[in-house]
Amino acid sequence: MNSHKFEPQGVTVVAMLAESHISIHTWPEKGMAVCDVFTCGDHTTPESGVEYLQMVLEAKDIICNEFIRPLE
């Protein structure tokens, strides 16, 4: 995991896993966070990650987009 705290506020965090990553970019002054949950394979459930982030960030509203890459 790697993170950077901005002054006076805000943070960017990236957690890299074997076949996945999660990134969070925050703008506290706007009450906003942008998160990316990237997974590979058909054995993963990125929706669980989105639900968890919504809960821990206490998000009142989310916009969620799913992009499925075609297999080669």
Protein backbone atom coordinates (compact mmCIF):
# COMPACT_ATOMS: atom_id res chain seq x y z
CA MET A 1 0.00 0.00 0.00
CA ASN A 2 1.20 3.49 -0.82
CA SER A 3 -0.33 6.78 0.29
CA HIS A 4 0.17 10.53 0.08
CA LYS A 5 -1.40 13.11 2.38
CA PHE A 6 -2.04 16.54 0.92
CA GLU A 7 -1.84 19.78 2.90
CA PRO A 8 -4.05 21.08 4.29
CA GLN A 9 -6.32 18.07 3.57
CA GLY A 10 -6.95 15.12 1.33
CA VAL A 11 -5.26 11.83 0.65
CA THR A 12 -4.49 9.44 -2.19
CA VAL A 13 -4.09 5.76 -1.33
CA VAL A 14 -3.32 2.83 -3.62
CA ALA A 15 -3.46 -0.80 -2.48
CA MET A 16 -2.08 -3.29 -4.97
CA LEU A 17 -2.90 -6.98 -4.82
CA ALA A 18 -1.86 -9.91 -7.01
CA GLU A 19 -4.57 -9.41 -9.63
CA SER A 20 -6.25 -6.26 -8.37
CA HIS A 21 -5.89 -2.76 -7.03
CA ILE A 22 -7.97 -0.26 -5.14
CA SER A 23 -7.29 3.46 -5.25
CA ILE A 24 -8.93 6.23 -3.24
CA HIS A 25 -8.55 9.95 -3.93
CA THR A 26 -10.24 12.35 -1.51
CA TRP A 27 -11.30 15.98 -1.65
CA PRO A 28 -12.61 16.64 1.90
CA GLU A 29 -13.33 20.29 1.11
CA LYS A 30 -15.86 19.06 -1.48
CA GLY A 31 -17.06 16.08 0.57
CA MET A 32 -15.93 13.82 -2.25
CA ALA A 33 -13.88 10.68 -2.77
CA VAL A 34 -13.19 8.88 -6.04
CA CYS A 35 -12.45 5.17 -5.74
CA ASP A 36 -11.31 2.63 -8.30
CA VAL A 37 -11.78 -1.10 -7.64
CA PHE A 38 -9.99 -3.09 -10.35
CA THR A 39 -10.07 -6.88 -10.40
CA CYS A 40 -9.13 -9.64 -12.82
CA GLY A 41 -10.72 -13.02 -13.26
CA ASP A 42 -14.17 -14.45 -12.78
CA HIS A 43 -13.56 -15.44 -9.15
CA THR A 44 -13.61 -11.88 -7.78
CA THR A 45 -16.43 -9.71 -6.49
CA PRO A 46 -15.50 -6.04 -6.95
CA GLU A 47 -19.06 -5.13 -5.87
CA SER A 48 -18.11 -6.23 -2.35
CA GLY A 49 -15.22 -3.78 -2.37
CA VAL A 50 -17.49 -0.96 -3.54
CA GLU A 51 -20.03 -1.76 -0.81
CA TYR A 52 -17.30 -1.83 1.83
CA LEU A 53 -15.86 1.52 0.69
CA GLN A 54 -19.35 3.05 0.69
CA MET A 55 -19.81 1.88 4.28
CA VAL A 56 -16.44 2.94 5.74
CA LEU A 57 -16.44 6.29 3.92
CA GLU A 58 -20.06 6.84 5.03
CA ALA A 59 -21.01 7.78 1.47
CA LYS A 60 -24.50 9.16 1.14
CA ASP A 61 -24.51 8.98 -2.66
CA ILE A 62 -22.44 6.99 -5.13
CA ILE A 63 -22.00 6.85 -8.87
CA CYS A 64 -20.79 3.45 -9.96
CA ASN A 65 -19.62 2.37 -13.41
CA GLU A 66 -18.56 -1.12 -14.41
CA PHE A 67 -16.25 -1.78 -17.34
CA ILE A 68 -15.74 -5.36 -18.48
CA ARG A 69 -12.72 -6.03 -20.65
CA PRO A 70 -13.16 -8.66 -23.35
CA LEU A 71 -11.00 -11.75 -23.05
CA GLU A 72 -8.27 -12.07 -25.61
